[in-house]
Amino acid sequence: MRPRQMLAVAAMFITPVLAFAQSNETPKLDKRQANQAARIEQGKASGQLTDKEAAKLEKGQAKVAAKEEKAKADGVVTKKERAKLQHAENKQSKKIAKQKHDAQTKPATPPAN
């Protein structure tokens, strides 16, 4: 094979790999955000989270979502941006766990008559 042909064949195989590696899709992050939102909702329902704690956690999740949208704005989410988003999600996860397992709980509502 001539060098020019080899280069063309290599480009055909490398281009899709690069496009996949730096796409603006973030399915793992989206799934994680949904999971963490569900954890917050479960904490509210069980009384593990007070309304104030839940609001603060939801605000933190919104900030992570805003960071994700900013990363997607140019059409490419780079490896560095993904790492920053992952770090932000890790911090949020720890905050959720800490708030769900602290001594504060939502007061029980009296049964309606």
PDB file of N, CA and C in Angstrom:
ATOM      1  N   MET A   1       0.838  -1.175   0.000  1.00  0.00           N
ATOM      2  CA  MET A   1       0.000   0.000   0.000  1.00  0.00           C
ATOM      3  C   MET A   1       0.884   1.239   0.000  1.00  0.00           C
ATOM      4  N   ARG A   2       0.441   2.228  -0.750  1.00  0.00           N
ATOM      5  CA  ARG A   2       1.195   3.474  -0.783  1.00  0.00           C
ATOM      6  C   ARG A   2       0.950   4.270   0.499  1.00  0.00           C
ATOM      7  N   PRO A   3       1.870   5.129   0.869  1.00  0.00           N
ATOM      8  CA  PRO A   3       1.710   5.930   2.089  1.00  0.00           C
ATOM      9  C   PRO A   3       0.427   6.758   2.093  1.00  0.00           C
ATOM     10  N   ARG A   4       0.061   7.293   0.944  1.00  0.00           N
ATOM     11  CA  ARG A   4      -1.155   8.113   0.862  1.00  0.00           C
ATOM     12  C   ARG A   4      -2.398   7.264   1.125  1.00  0.00           C
ATOM     13  N   GLN A   5      -2.422   6.066   0.604  1.00  0.00           N
ATOM     14  CA  GLN A   5      -3.553   5.169   0.819  1.00  0.00           C
ATOM     15  C   GLN A   5      -3.620   4.731   2.280  1.00  0.00           C
ATOM     16  N   MET A   6      -2.472   4.473   2.861  1.00  0.00           N
ATOM     17  CA  MET A   6      -2.437   4.065   4.265  1.00  0.00           C
ATOM     18  C   MET A   6      -2.964   5.187   5.155  1.00  0.00           C
ATOM     19  N   LEU A   7      -2.595   6.408   4.810  1.00  0.00           N
ATOM     20  CA  LEU A   7      -3.057   7.557   5.576  1.00  0.00           C
ATOM     21  C   LEU A   7      -4.574   7.707   5.475  1.00  0.00           C
ATOM     22  N   ALA A   8      -5.115   7.518   4.273  1.00  0.00           N
ATOM     23  CA  ALA A   8      -6.558   7.624   4.078  1.00  0.00           C
ATOM     24  C   ALA A   8      -7.304   6.547   4.866  1.00  0.00           C
ATOM     25  N   VAL A   9      -6.788   5.333   4.854  1.00  0.00           N
ATOM     26  CA  VAL A   9      -7.427   4.237   5.584  1.00  0.00           C
ATOM     27  C   VAL A   9      -7.354   4.501   7.086  1.00  0.00           C
ATOM     28  N   ALA A  10      -6.210   4.956   7.560  1.00  0.00           N
ATOM     29  CA  ALA A  10      -6.055   5.254   8.985  1.00  0.00           C
ATOM     30  C   ALA A  10      -7.014   6.360   9.404  1.00  0.00           C
ATOM     31  N   ALA A  11      -7.170   7.365   8.579  1.00  0.00           N
ATOM     32  CA  ALA A  11      -8.078   8.473   8.899  1.00  0.00           C
ATOM     33  C   ALA A  11      -9.517   7.987   8.993  1.00  0.00           C
ATOM     34  N   MET A  12      -9.891   7.031   8.149  1.00  0.00           N
ATOM     35  CA  MET A  12     -11.250   6.505   8.186  1.00  0.00           C
ATOM     36  C   MET A  12     -11.547   5.823   9.522  1.00  0.00           C
ATOM     37  N   PHE A  13     -10.548   5.176  10.111  1.00  0.00           N
ATOM     38  CA  PHE A  13     -10.750   4.478  11.365  1.00  0.00           C
ATOM     39  C   PHE A  13     -10.584   5.377  12.585  1.00  0.00           C
ATOM     40  N   ILE A  14      -9.720   6.342  12.515  1.00  0.00           N
ATOM     41  CA  ILE A  14      -9.434   7.206  13.662  1.00  0.00           C
ATOM     42  C   ILE A  14     -10.512   8.264  13.858  1.00  0.00           C
ATOM     43  N   THR A  15     -11.041   8.823  12.808  1.00  0.00           N
ATOM     44  CA  THR A  15     -12.015   9.915  12.914  1.00  0.00           C
ATOM     45  C   THR A  15     -13.239   9.534  13.749  1.00  0.00           C
ATOM     46  N   PRO A  16     -13.895   8.400  13.523  1.00  0.00           N
ATOM     47  CA  PRO A  16     -15.049   8.063  14.357  1.00  0.00           C
ATOM     48  C   PRO A  16     -14.684   7.860  15.824  1.00  0.00           C
ATOM     49  N   VAL A  17     -13.504   7.329  16.077  1.00  0.00           N
ATOM     50  CA  VAL A  17     -13.071   7.118  17.459  1.00  0.00           C
ATOM     51  C   VAL A  17     -12.918   8.460  18.170  1.00  0.00           C
ATOM     52  N   LEU A  18     -12.295   9.418  17.511  1.00  0.00           N
ATOM     53  CA  LEU A  18     -12.125  10.744  18.102  1.00  0.00           C
ATOM     54  C   LEU A  18     -13.471  11.426  18.311  1.00  0.00           C
ATOM     55  N   ALA A  19     -14.356  11.286  17.366  1.00  0.00           N
ATOM     56  CA  ALA A  19     -15.679  11.898  17.496  1.00  0.00           C
ATOM     57  C   ALA A  19     -16.432  11.296  18.677  1.00  0.00           C
ATOM     58  N   PHE A  20     -16.312  10.000  18.855  1.00  0.00           N
ATOM     59  CA  PHE A  20     -16.989   9.352  19.982  1.00  0.00           C
ATOM     60  C   PHE A  20     -16.372   9.774  21.311  1.00  0.00           C
ATOM     61  N   ALA A  21     -15.064   9.878  21.350  1.00  0.00           N
ATOM     62  CA  ALA A  21     -14.377  10.204  22.596  1.00  0.00           C
ATOM     63  C   ALA A  21     -14.677  11.622  23.063  1.00  0.00           C
ATOM     64  N   GLN A  22     -14.930  12.529  22.145  1.00  0.00           N
ATOM     65  CA  GLN A  22     -15.161  13.913  22.537  1.00  0.00           C
ATOM     66  C   GLN A  22     -16.524  14.415  22.055  1.00  0.00           C
ATOM     67  N   SER A  23     -17.525  13.580  22.174  1.00  0.00           N
ATOM     68  CA  SER A  23     -18.861  14.016  21.780  1.00  0.00           C
ATOM     69  C   SER A  23     -19.443  14.885  22.886  1.00  0.00           C
ATOM     70  N   ASN A  24     -20.536  15.549  22.567  1.00  0.00           N
ATOM     71  CA  ASN A  24     -21.151  16.396  23.589  1.00  0.00           C
ATOM     72  C   ASN A  24     -22.234  15.648  24.352  1.00  0.00           C
ATOM     73  N   GLU A  25     -22.300  14.352  24.160  1.00  0.00           N
ATOM     74  CA  GLU A  25     -23.252  13.533  24.899  1.00  0.00           C
ATOM     75  C   GLU A  25     -22.647  13.151  26.241  1.00  0.00           C
ATOM     76  N   THR A  26     -23.465  13.191  27.251  1.00  0.00           N
ATOM     77  CA  THR A  26     -23.001  12.821  28.589  1.00  0.00           C
ATOM     78  C   THR A  26     -24.017  11.896  29.247  1.00  0.00           C
ATOM     79  N   PRO A  27     -24.231  10.694  28.680  1.00  0.00           N
ATOM     80  CA  PRO A  27     -25.264   9.814  29.224  1.00  0.00           C
ATOM     81  C   PRO A  27     -24.977   9.349  30.650  1.00  0.00           C
ATOM     82  N   LYS A  28     -23.717   9.097  30.986  1.00  0.00           N
ATOM     83  CA  LYS A  28     -23.401   8.661  32.348  1.00  0.00           C
ATOM     84  C   LYS A  28     -23.696   9.766  33.343  1.00  0.00           C
ATOM     85  N   LEU A  29     -23.351  10.990  32.981  1.00  0.00           N
ATOM     86  CA  LEU A  29     -23.604  12.122  33.872  1.00  0.00           C
ATOM     87  C   LEU A  29     -25.107  12.351  34.020  1.00  0.00           C
ATOM     88  N   ASP A  30     -25.839  12.245  32.912  1.00  0.00           N
ATOM     89  CA  ASP A  30     -27.290  12.428  32.971  1.00  0.00           C
ATOM     90  C   ASP A  30     -27.936  11.377  33.870  1.00  0.00           C
ATOM     91  N   LYS A  31     -27.470  10.134  33.743  1.00  0.00           N
ATOM     92  CA  LYS A  31     -28.014   9.058  34.575  1.00  0.00           C
ATOM     93  C   LYS A  31     -27.689   9.299  36.049  1.00  0.00           C
ATOM     94  N   ARG A  32     -26.482   9.771  36.297  1.00  0.00           N
ATOM     95  CA  ARG A  32     -26.075  10.037  37.678  1.00  0.00           C
ATOM     96  C   ARG A  32     -26.882  11.181  38.282  1.00  0.00           C
ATOM     97  N   GLN A  33     -27.134  12.216  37.487  1.00  0.00           N
ATOM     98  CA  GLN A  33     -27.930  13.331  37.986  1.00  0.00           C
ATOM     99  C   GLN A  33     -29.341  12.868  38.325  1.00  0.00           C
ATOM    100  N   ALA A  34     -29.906  12.024  37.493  1.00  0.00           N
ATOM    101  CA  ALA A  34     -31.237  11.492  37.765  1.00  0.00           C
ATOM    102  C   ALA A  34     -31.235  10.645  39.035  1.00  0.00           C
ATOM    103  N   ASN A  35     -30.195   9.846  39.213  1.00  0.00           N
ATOM    104  CA  ASN A  35     -30.063   9.012  40.402  1.00  0.00           C
ATOM    105  C   ASN A  35     -29.982   9.885  41.652  1.00  0.00           C
ATOM    106  N   GLN A  36     -29.181  10.940  41.597  1.00  0.00           N
ATOM    107  CA  GLN A  36     -29.014  11.803  42.763  1.00  0.00           C
ATOM    108  C   GLN A  36     -30.289  12.593  43.055  1.00  0.00           C
ATOM    109  N   ALA A  37     -31.003  12.994  42.021  1.00  0.00           N
ATOM    110  CA  ALA A  37     -32.288  13.667  42.226  1.00  0.00           C
ATOM    111  C   ALA A  37     -33.271  12.716  42.915  1.00  0.00           C
ATOM    112  N   ALA A  38     -33.240  11.450  42.509  1.00  0.00           N
ATOM    113  CA  ALA A  38     -34.108  10.451  43.138  1.00  0.00           C
ATOM    114  C   ALA A  38     -33.722  10.244  44.605  1.00  0.00           C
ATOM    115  N   ARG A  39     -32.419  10.272  44.906  1.00  0.00           N
ATOM    116  CA  ARG A  39     -31.972  10.136  46.293  1.00  0.00           C
ATOM    117  C   ARG A  39     -32.485  11.291  47.142  1.00  0.00           C
ATOM    118  N   ILE A  40     -32.474  12.493  46.570  1.00  0.00           N
ATOM    119  CA  ILE A  40     -32.973  13.662  47.297  1.00  0.00           C
ATOM    120  C   ILE A  40     -34.472  13.515  47.539  1.00  0.00           C
ATOM    121  N   GLU A  41     -35.210  13.120  46.513  1.00  0.00           N
ATOM    122  CA  GLU A  41     -36.661  12.932  46.648  1.00  0.00           C
ATOM    123  C   GLU A  41     -36.980  11.858  47.681  1.00  0.00           C
ATOM    124  N   GLN A  42     -36.221  10.772  47.665  1.00  0.00           N
ATOM    125  CA  GLN A  42     -36.437   9.696  48.636  1.00  0.00           C
ATOM    126  C   GLN A  42     -36.163  10.206  50.048  1.00  0.00           C
ATOM    127  N   GLY A  43     -35.138  11.031  50.205  1.00  0.00           N
ATOM    128  CA  GLY A  43     -34.824  11.592  51.512  1.00  0.00           C
ATOM    129  C   GLY A  43     -35.914  12.518  52.015  1.00  0.00           C
ATOM    130  N   LYS A  44     -36.511  13.288  51.101  1.00  0.00           N
ATOM    131  CA  LYS A  44     -37.634  14.158  51.482  1.00  0.00           C
ATOM    132  C   LYS A  44     -38.831  13.316  51.899  1.00  0.00           C
ATOM    133  N   ALA A  45     -39.114  12.274  51.127  1.00  0.00           N
ATOM    134  CA  ALA A  45     -40.283  11.435  51.405  1.00  0.00           C
ATOM    135  C   ALA A  45     -40.143  10.677  52.728  1.00  0.00           C
ATOM    136  N   SER A  46     -38.930  10.237  53.033  1.00  0.00           N
ATOM    137  CA  SER A  46     -38.728   9.455  54.254  1.00  0.00           C
ATOM    138  C   SER A  46     -38.537  10.324  55.487  1.00  0.00           C
ATOM    139  N   GLY A  47     -38.321  11.612  55.283  1.00  0.00           N
ATOM    140  CA  GLY A  47     -38.104  12.506  56.408  1.00  0.00           C
ATOM    141  C   GLY A  47     -36.641  12.639  56.795  1.00  0.00           C
ATOM    142  N   GLN A  48     -35.749  11.983  56.067  1.00  0.00           N
ATOM    143  CA  GLN A  48     -34.325  12.084  56.361  1.00  0.00           C
ATOM    144  C   GLN A  48     -33.786  13.476  56.042  1.00  0.00           C
ATOM    145  N   LEU A  49     -34.440  14.164  55.108  1.00  0.00           N
ATOM    146  CA  LEU A  49     -34.018  15.509  54.719  1.00  0.00           C
ATOM    147  C   LEU A  49     -35.091  16.514  55.108  1.00  0.00           C
ATOM    148  N   THR A  50     -34.657  17.614  55.690  1.00  0.00           N
ATOM    149  CA  THR A  50     -35.594  18.702  55.956  1.00  0.00           C
ATOM    150  C   THR A  50     -35.832  19.432  54.639  1.00  0.00           C
ATOM    151  N   ASP A  51     -36.852  20.266  54.599  1.00  0.00           N
ATOM    152  CA  ASP A  51     -37.127  21.023  53.380  1.00  0.00           C
ATOM    153  C   ASP A  51     -35.950  21.925  53.019  1.00  0.00           C
ATOM    154  N   LYS A  52     -35.327  22.516  54.029  1.00  0.00           N
ATOM    155  CA  LYS A  52     -34.196  23.407  53.795  1.00  0.00           C
ATOM    156  C   LYS A  52     -32.995  22.632  53.233  1.00  0.00           C
ATOM    157  N   GLU A  53     -32.720  21.456  53.799  1.00  0.00           N
ATOM    158  CA  GLU A  53     -31.614  20.629  53.308  1.00  0.00           C
ATOM    159  C   GLU A  53     -31.866  20.209  51.860  1.00  0.00           C
ATOM    160  N   ALA A  54     -33.086  19.770  51.578  1.00  0.00           N
ATOM    161  CA  ALA A  54     -33.424  19.319  50.232  1.00  0.00           C
ATOM    162  C   ALA A  54     -33.287  20.462  49.228  1.00  0.00           C
ATOM    163  N   ALA A  55     -33.734  21.650  49.606  1.00  0.00           N
ATOM    164  CA  ALA A  55     -33.634  22.802  48.708  1.00  0.00           C
ATOM    165  C   ALA A  55     -32.168  23.117  48.406  1.00  0.00           C
ATOM    166  N   LYS A  56     -31.323  23.040  49.416  1.00  0.00           N
ATOM    167  CA  LYS A  56     -29.903  23.327  49.231  1.00  0.00           C
ATOM    168  C   LYS A  56     -29.257  22.280  48.319  1.00  0.00           C
ATOM    169  N   LEU A  57     -29.620  21.018  48.508  1.00  0.00           N
ATOM    170  CA  LEU A  57     -29.077  19.950  47.666  1.00  0.00           C
ATOM    171  C   LEU A  57     -29.558  20.082  46.221  1.00  0.00           C
ATOM    172  N   GLU A  58     -30.828  20.440  46.050  1.00  0.00           N
ATOM    173  CA  GLU A  58     -31.368  20.632  44.704  1.00  0.00           C
ATOM    174  C   GLU A  58     -30.685  21.808  44.008  1.00  0.00           C
ATOM    175  N   LYS A  59     -30.368  22.833  44.764  1.00  0.00           N
ATOM    176  CA  LYS A  59     -29.651  23.984  44.202  1.00  0.00           C
ATOM    177  C   LYS A  59     -28.259  23.547  43.735  1.00  0.00           C
ATOM    178  N   GLY A  60     -27.608  22.702  44.526  1.00  0.00           N
ATOM    179  CA  GLY A  60     -26.300  22.175  44.132  1.00  0.00           C
ATOM    180  C   GLY A  60     -26.378  21.345  42.871  1.00  0.00           C
ATOM    181  N   GLN A  61     -27.428  20.537  42.744  1.00  0.00           N
ATOM    182  CA  GLN A  61     -27.627  19.742  41.529  1.00  0.00           C
ATOM    183  C   GLN A  61     -27.854  20.650  40.324  1.00  0.00           C
ATOM    184  N   ALA A  62     -28.578  21.739  40.528  1.00  0.00           N
ATOM    185  CA  ALA A  62     -28.821  22.683  39.437  1.00  0.00           C
ATOM    186  C   ALA A  62     -27.511  23.324  38.976  1.00  0.00           C
ATOM    187  N   LYS A  63     -26.607  23.593  39.922  1.00  0.00           N
ATOM    188  CA  LYS A  63     -25.311  24.165  39.550  1.00  0.00           C
ATOM    189  C   LYS A  63     -24.508  23.187  38.696  1.00  0.00           C
ATOM    190  N   VAL A  64     -24.550  21.912  39.047  1.00  0.00           N
ATOM    191  CA  VAL A  64     -23.849  20.904  38.255  1.00  0.00           C
ATOM    192  C   VAL A  64     -24.462  20.830  36.860  1.00  0.00           C
ATOM    193  N   ALA A  65     -25.779  20.886  36.773  1.00  0.00           N
ATOM    194  CA  ALA A  65     -26.455  20.858  35.473  1.00  0.00           C
ATOM    195  C   ALA A  65     -26.059  22.072  34.632  1.00  0.00           C
ATOM    196  N   ALA A  66     -25.915  23.228  35.272  1.00  0.00           N
ATOM    197  CA  ALA A  66     -25.490  24.434  34.559  1.00  0.00           C
ATOM    198  C   ALA A  66     -24.065  24.277  34.043  1.00  0.00           C
ATOM    199  N   LYS A  67     -23.197  23.661  34.843  1.00  0.00           N
ATOM    200  CA  LYS A  67     -21.822  23.411  34.402  1.00  0.00           C
ATOM    201  C   LYS A  67     -21.820  22.476  33.195  1.00  0.00           C
ATOM    202  N   GLU A  68     -22.706  21.488  33.231  1.00  0.00           N
ATOM    203  CA  GLU A  68     -22.792  20.552  32.112  1.00  0.00           C
ATOM    204  C   GLU A  68     -23.236  21.277  30.850  1.00  0.00           C
ATOM    205  N   GLU A  69     -24.241  22.112  30.958  1.00  0.00           N
ATOM    206  CA  GLU A  69     -24.717  22.867  29.796  1.00  0.00           C
ATOM    207  C   GLU A  69     -23.626  23.782  29.255  1.00  0.00           C
ATOM    208  N   LYS A  70     -22.856  24.390  30.143  1.00  0.00           N
ATOM    209  CA  LYS A  70     -21.755  25.252  29.716  1.00  0.00           C
ATOM    210  C   LYS A  70     -20.707  24.436  28.968  1.00  0.00           C
ATOM    211  N   ALA A  71     -20.424  23.227  29.465  1.00  0.00           N
ATOM    212  CA  ALA A  71     -19.447  22.364  28.804  1.00  0.00           C
ATOM    213  C   ALA A  71     -19.934  21.933  27.424  1.00  0.00           C
ATOM    214  N   LYS A  72     -21.240  21.731  27.286  1.00  0.00           N
ATOM    215  CA  LYS A  72     -21.814  21.306  26.011  1.00  0.00           C
ATOM    216  C   LYS A  72     -21.982  22.456  25.021  1.00  0.00           C
ATOM    217  N   ALA A  73     -21.875  23.694  25.480  1.00  0.00           N
ATOM    218  CA  ALA A  73     -22.190  24.860  24.663  1.00  0.00           C
ATOM    219  C   ALA A  73     -21.379  24.930  23.367  1.00  0.00           C
ATOM    220  N   ASP A  74     -20.123  24.534  23.406  1.00  0.00           N
ATOM    221  CA  ASP A  74     -19.306  24.614  22.196  1.00  0.00           C
ATOM    222  C   ASP A  74     -19.432  23.378  21.319  1.00  0.00           C
ATOM    223  N   GLY A  75     -20.243  22.423  21.738  1.00  0.00           N
ATOM    224  CA  GLY A  75     -20.487  21.234  20.930  1.00  0.00           C
ATOM    225  C   GLY A  75     -19.595  20.052  21.264  1.00  0.00           C
ATOM    226  N   VAL A  76     -18.603  20.266  22.125  1.00  0.00           N
ATOM    227  CA  VAL A  76     -17.678  19.188  22.481  1.00  0.00           C
ATOM    228  C   VAL A  76     -17.437  19.221  23.984  1.00  0.00           C
ATOM    229  N   VAL A  77     -17.625  18.075  24.618  1.00  0.00           N
ATOM    230  CA  VAL A  77     -17.307  17.951  26.037  1.00  0.00           C
ATOM    231  C   VAL A  77     -15.968  17.231  26.097  1.00  0.00           C
ATOM    232  N   THR A  78     -14.929  17.960  26.470  1.00  0.00           N
ATOM    233  CA  THR A  78     -13.585  17.395  26.490  1.00  0.00           C
ATOM    234  C   THR A  78     -13.383  16.486  27.696  1.00  0.00           C
ATOM    235  N   LYS A  79     -12.285  15.759  27.663  1.00  0.00           N
ATOM    236  CA  LYS A  79     -11.952  14.859  28.761  1.00  0.00           C
ATOM    237  C   LYS A  79     -11.775  15.655  30.059  1.00  0.00           C
ATOM    238  N   LYS A  80     -11.170  16.819  29.964  1.00  0.00           N
ATOM    239  CA  LYS A  80     -10.949  17.671  31.139  1.00  0.00           C
ATOM    240  C   LYS A  80     -12.289  18.161  31.700  1.00  0.00           C
ATOM    241  N   GLU A  81     -13.206  18.550  30.811  1.00  0.00           N
ATOM    242  CA  GLU A  81     -14.529  19.004  31.255  1.00  0.00           C
ATOM    243  C   GLU A  81     -15.288  17.855  31.921  1.00  0.00           C
ATOM    244  N   ARG A  82     -15.189  16.662  31.335  1.00  0.00           N
ATOM    245  CA  ARG A  82     -15.848  15.495  31.934  1.00  0.00           C
ATOM    246  C   ARG A  82     -15.312  15.224  33.331  1.00  0.00           C
ATOM    247  N   ALA A  83     -13.997  15.357  33.501  1.00  0.00           N
ATOM    248  CA  ALA A  83     -13.390  15.127  34.811  1.00  0.00           C
ATOM    249  C   ALA A  83     -13.894  16.146  35.824  1.00  0.00           C
ATOM    250  N   LYS A  84     -14.024  17.397  35.411  1.00  0.00           N
ATOM    251  CA  LYS A  84     -14.533  18.432  36.319  1.00  0.00           C
ATOM    252  C   LYS A  84     -15.988  18.164  36.691  1.00  0.00           C
ATOM    253  N   LEU A  85     -16.780  17.738  35.720  1.00  0.00           N
ATOM    254  CA  LEU A  85     -18.177  17.417  35.990  1.00  0.00           C
ATOM    255  C   LEU A  85     -18.285  16.215  36.929  1.00  0.00           C
ATOM    256  N   GLN A  86     -17.445  15.228  36.702  1.00  0.00           N
ATOM    257  CA  GLN A  86     -17.433  14.037  37.566  1.00  0.00           C
ATOM    258  C   GLN A  86     -17.074  14.436  38.993  1.00  0.00           C
ATOM    259  N   HIS A  87     -16.096  15.314  39.136  1.00  0.00           N
ATOM    260  CA  HIS A  87     -15.685  15.777  40.466  1.00  0.00           C
ATOM    261  C   HIS A  87     -16.838  16.514  41.159  1.00  0.00           C
ATOM    262  N   ALA A  88     -17.540  17.356  40.403  1.00  0.00           N
ATOM    263  CA  ALA A  88     -18.677  18.098  40.966  1.00  0.00           C
ATOM    264  C   ALA A  88     -19.773  17.130  41.417  1.00  0.00           C
ATOM    265  N   GLU A  89     -20.022  16.093  40.631  1.00  0.00           N
ATOM    266  CA  GLU A  89     -21.032  15.097  41.002  1.00  0.00           C
ATOM    267  C   GLU A  89     -20.593  14.305  42.238  1.00  0.00           C
ATOM    268  N   ASN A  90     -19.295  14.012  42.338  1.00  0.00           N
ATOM    269  CA  ASN A  90     -18.787  13.308  43.518  1.00  0.00           C
ATOM    270  C   ASN A  90     -19.029  14.141  44.777  1.00  0.00           C
ATOM    271  N   LYS A  91     -18.760  15.438  44.694  1.00  0.00           N
ATOM    272  CA  LYS A  91     -18.971  16.320  45.839  1.00  0.00           C
ATOM    273  C   LYS A  91     -20.451  16.362  46.216  1.00  0.00           C
ATOM    274  N   GLN A  92     -21.324  16.458  45.220  1.00  0.00           N
ATOM    275  CA  GLN A  92     -22.760  16.488  45.478  1.00  0.00           C
ATOM    276  C   GLN A  92     -23.227  15.186  46.128  1.00  0.00           C
ATOM    277  N   SER A  93     -22.698  14.066  45.659  1.00  0.00           N
ATOM    278  CA  SER A  93     -23.083  12.774  46.213  1.00  0.00           C
ATOM    279  C   SER A  93     -22.722  12.698  47.694  1.00  0.00           C
ATOM    280  N   LYS A  94     -21.536  13.180  48.038  1.00  0.00           N
ATOM    281  CA  LYS A  94     -21.111  13.178  49.434  1.00  0.00           C
ATOM    282  C   LYS A  94     -21.996  14.086  50.278  1.00  0.00           C
ATOM    283  N   LYS A  95     -22.384  15.232  49.719  1.00  0.00           N
ATOM    284  CA  LYS A  95     -23.266  16.144  50.454  1.00  0.00           C
ATOM    285  C   LYS A  95     -24.628  15.505  50.703  1.00  0.00           C
ATOM    286  N   ILE A  96     -25.145  14.808  49.699  1.00  0.00           N
ATOM    287  CA  ILE A  96     -26.442  14.140  49.856  1.00  0.00           C
ATOM    288  C   ILE A  96     -26.347  13.095  50.960  1.00  0.00           C
ATOM    289  N   ALA A  97     -25.317  12.272  50.912  1.00  0.00           N
ATOM    290  CA  ALA A  97     -25.155  11.226  51.925  1.00  0.00           C
ATOM    291  C   ALA A  97     -25.020  11.838  53.320  1.00  0.00           C
ATOM    292  N   LYS A  98     -24.236  12.894  53.431  1.00  0.00           N
ATOM    293  CA  LYS A  98     -24.027  13.536  54.733  1.00  0.00           C
ATOM    294  C   LYS A  98     -25.338  14.091  55.286  1.00  0.00           C
ATOM    295  N   GLN A  99     -26.120  14.762  54.453  1.00  0.00           N
ATOM    296  CA  GLN A  99     -27.374  15.356  54.909  1.00  0.00           C
ATOM    297  C   GLN A  99     -28.418  14.292  55.232  1.00  0.00           C
ATOM    298  N   LYS A 100     -28.437  13.211  54.475  1.00  0.00           N
ATOM    299  CA  LYS A 100     -29.421  12.161  54.736  1.00  0.00           C
ATOM    300  C   LYS A 100     -29.138  11.421  56.030  1.00  0.00           C
ATOM    301  N   HIS A 101     -27.877  11.404  56.459  1.00  0.00           N
ATOM    302  CA  HIS A 101     -27.517  10.628  57.633  1.00  0.00           C
ATOM    303  C   HIS A 101     -27.154  11.477  58.837  1.00  0.00           C
ATOM    304  N   ASP A 102     -27.463  12.769  58.793  1.00  0.00           N
ATOM    305  CA  ASP A 102     -27.205  13.588  59.975  1.00  0.00           C
ATOM    306  C   ASP A 102     -28.387  13.478  60.939  1.00  0.00           C
ATOM    307  N   ALA A 103     -28.294  14.183  62.048  1.00  0.00           N
ATOM    308  CA  ALA A 103     -29.310  14.063  63.101  1.00  0.00           C
ATOM    309  C   ALA A 103     -30.604  14.803  62.773  1.00  0.00           C
ATOM    310  N   GLN A 104     -30.552  15.705  61.805  1.00  0.00           N
ATOM    311  CA  GLN A 104     -31.757  16.468  61.480  1.00  0.00           C
ATOM    312  C   GLN A 104     -32.726  15.618  60.675  1.00  0.00           C
ATOM    313  N   THR A 105     -34.003  15.709  61.047  1.00  0.00           N
ATOM    314  CA  THR A 105     -35.047  15.030  60.276  1.00  0.00           C
ATOM    315  C   THR A 105     -36.228  15.965  60.166  1.00  0.00           C
ATOM    316  N   LYS A 106     -37.057  15.704  59.175  1.00  0.00           N
ATOM    317  CA  LYS A 106     -38.258  16.505  59.001  1.00  0.00           C
ATOM    318  C   LYS A 106     -39.259  16.084  60.061  1.00  0.00           C
ATOM    319  N   PRO A 107     -39.876  17.046  60.750  1.00  0.00           N
ATOM    320  CA  PRO A 107     -40.873  16.681  61.764  1.00  0.00           C
ATOM    321  C   PRO A 107     -42.033  15.916  61.130  1.00  0.00           C
ATOM    322  N   ALA A 108     -42.498  14.933  61.847  1.00  0.00           N
ATOM    323  CA  ALA A 108     -43.622  14.135  61.361  1.00  0.00           C
ATOM    324  C   ALA A 108     -44.879  15.002  61.325  1.00  0.00           C
ATOM    325  N   THR A 109     -45.627  14.886  60.264  1.00  0.00           N
ATOM    326  CA  THR A 109     -46.868  15.647  60.149  1.00  0.00           C
ATOM    327  C   THR A 109     -47.979  14.882  60.847  1.00  0.00           C
ATOM    328  N   PRO A 110     -48.806  15.569  61.607  1.00  0.00           N
ATOM    329  CA  PRO A 110     -49.905  14.874  62.297  1.00  0.00           C
ATOM    330  C   PRO A 110     -50.927  14.378  61.264  1.00  0.00           C
ATOM    331  N   PRO A 111     -51.555  13.249  61.548  1.00  0.00           N
ATOM    332  CA  PRO A 111     -52.556  12.715  60.615  1.00  0.00           C
ATOM    333  C   PRO A 111     -53.746  13.680  60.480  1.00  0.00           C
ATOM    334  N   ALA A 112     -54.213  13.777  59.251  1.00  0.00           N
ATOM    335  CA  ALA A 112     -55.362  14.650  58.970  1.00  0.00           C
ATOM    336  C   ALA A 112     -56.650  13.996  59.496  1.00  0.00           C
ATOM    337  N   ASN A 113     -57.520  14.817  60.087  1.00  0.00           N
ATOM    338  CA  ASN A 113     -58.789  14.277  60.617  1.00  0.00           C
ATOM    339  C   ASN A 113     -59.890  14.488  59.635  1.00  0.00           C
TER     340      ASN A 113
END
